[in-house]
Amino acid sequence: MKNNVPNLRKDKGWSQSDLGEHVNVSRQTINAIEKERYDPSLSLAFKISNAFGLSIEQVFIYEED
């Protein structure tokens, strides 16, 4: 799943660890999401979106294979 997490995170001045702390996951999980190697659960997607104050659709872009 494509996402805007890296740009949004950098705009906030947050490291991957900072975002991980906000949503209670590891830096490695944030890294995998940013590199599109891991699709977050719906619950985690909501937490990440809420951390940025945005809707899920503003953070994650669903594309069918």
C-alpha atoms as a PDB file:
ATOM      1  CA  MET A   1       0.000   0.000   0.000  1.00  0.00           C
ATOM      2  CA  LYS A   2       1.397   3.378  -0.965  1.00  0.00           C
ATOM      3  CA  ASN A   3       1.550   6.041   1.723  1.00  0.00           C
ATOM      4  CA  ASN A   4       2.605   9.580   2.543  1.00  0.00           C
ATOM      5  CA  VAL A   5       4.078   8.660   5.917  1.00  0.00           C
ATOM      6  CA  PRO A   6       7.714   9.665   5.200  1.00  0.00           C
ATOM      7  CA  ASN A   7       6.792  13.158   3.997  1.00  0.00           C
ATOM      8  CA  LEU A   8       4.230  13.743   6.730  1.00  0.00           C
ATOM      9  CA  ARG A   9       6.667  12.546   9.377  1.00  0.00           C
ATOM     10  CA  LYS A  10       9.452  14.802   8.094  1.00  0.00           C
ATOM     11  CA  ASP A  11       7.047  17.776   7.926  1.00  0.00           C
ATOM     12  CA  LYS A  12       6.412  17.269  11.658  1.00  0.00           C
ATOM     13  CA  GLY A  13      10.147  17.026  12.329  1.00  0.00           C
ATOM     14  CA  TRP A  14       9.721  13.523  13.727  1.00  0.00           C
ATOM     15  CA  SER A  15      12.119  10.607  13.436  1.00  0.00           C
ATOM     16  CA  GLN A  16      10.809   7.129  12.729  1.00  0.00           C
ATOM     17  CA  SER A  17      11.290   6.423  16.430  1.00  0.00           C
ATOM     18  CA  ASP A  18       9.237   9.502  17.354  1.00  0.00           C
ATOM     19  CA  LEU A  19       6.314   8.367  15.214  1.00  0.00           C
ATOM     20  CA  GLY A  20       6.667   4.843  16.564  1.00  0.00           C
ATOM     21  CA  GLU A  21       6.384   6.185  20.108  1.00  0.00           C
ATOM     22  CA  HIS A  22       3.258   8.170  19.174  1.00  0.00           C
ATOM     23  CA  VAL A  23       1.522   5.052  17.847  1.00  0.00           C
ATOM     24  CA  ASN A  24       3.139   2.468  20.143  1.00  0.00           C
ATOM     25  CA  VAL A  25       5.148   0.478  17.569  1.00  0.00           C
ATOM     26  CA  SER A  26       8.857   0.078  16.874  1.00  0.00           C
ATOM     27  CA  ARG A  27      10.995   2.212  14.590  1.00  0.00           C
ATOM     28  CA  GLN A  28      11.417  -0.884  12.429  1.00  0.00           C
ATOM     29  CA  THR A  29       7.659  -1.116  11.910  1.00  0.00           C
ATOM     30  CA  ILE A  30       7.513   2.523  10.793  1.00  0.00           C
ATOM     31  CA  ASN A  31      10.458   1.902   8.465  1.00  0.00           C
ATOM     32  CA  ALA A  32       8.723  -1.126   6.899  1.00  0.00           C
ATOM     33  CA  ILE A  33       5.497   0.868   6.405  1.00  0.00           C
ATOM     34  CA  GLU A  34       7.384   3.759   4.798  1.00  0.00           C
ATOM     35  CA  LYS A  35       9.210   1.391   2.437  1.00  0.00           C
ATOM     36  CA  GLU A  36       5.863  -0.269   1.583  1.00  0.00           C
ATOM     37  CA  ARG A  37       7.091  -3.676   2.762  1.00  0.00           C
ATOM     38  CA  TYR A  38       4.390  -3.887   5.441  1.00  0.00           C
ATOM     39  CA  ASP A  39       0.731  -2.895   5.305  1.00  0.00           C
ATOM     40  CA  PRO A  40      -0.441  -1.725   8.721  1.00  0.00           C
ATOM     41  CA  SER A  41      -3.552  -3.108  10.351  1.00  0.00           C
ATOM     42  CA  LEU A  42      -6.616  -0.903  10.182  1.00  0.00           C
ATOM     43  CA  SER A  43      -6.140  -0.031  13.838  1.00  0.00           C
ATOM     44  CA  LEU A  44      -2.528   1.049  13.279  1.00  0.00           C
ATOM     45  CA  ALA A  45      -3.489   2.984  10.136  1.00  0.00           C
ATOM     46  CA  PHE A  46      -6.018   4.939  12.230  1.00  0.00           C
ATOM     47  CA  LYS A  47      -3.401   5.605  14.924  1.00  0.00           C
ATOM     48  CA  ILE A  48      -0.887   6.883  12.366  1.00  0.00           C
ATOM     49  CA  SER A  49      -3.500   9.054  10.668  1.00  0.00           C
ATOM     50  CA  ASN A  50      -4.623  10.462  14.011  1.00  0.00           C
ATOM     51  CA  ALA A  51      -1.005  11.242  14.938  1.00  0.00           C
ATOM     52  CA  PHE A  52      -0.870  13.501  11.882  1.00  0.00           C
ATOM     53  CA  GLY A  53      -4.400  14.864  12.397  1.00  0.00           C
ATOM     54  CA  LEU A  54      -5.457  13.541   8.993  1.00  0.00           C
ATOM     55  CA  SER A  55      -7.891  10.992   7.572  1.00  0.00           C
ATOM     56  CA  ILE A  56      -6.662   7.565   6.548  1.00  0.00           C
ATOM     57  CA  GLU A  57      -7.238   8.500   2.902  1.00  0.00           C
ATOM     58  CA  GLN A  58      -4.835  11.435   3.268  1.00  0.00           C
ATOM     59  CA  VAL A  59      -2.085   9.167   4.601  1.00  0.00           C
ATOM     60  CA  PHE A  60      -2.593   5.837   2.799  1.00  0.00           C
ATOM     61  CA  ILE A  61      -3.321   5.270  -0.886  1.00  0.00           C
ATOM     62  CA  TYR A  62      -4.977   1.979  -1.754  1.00  0.00           C
ATOM     63  CA  GLU A  63      -4.191   0.592  -5.202  1.00  0.00           C
ATOM     64  CA  GLU A  64      -5.438  -2.759  -6.407  1.00  0.00           C
ATOM     65  CA  ASP A  65      -2.769  -5.068  -7.764  1.00  0.00           C
END
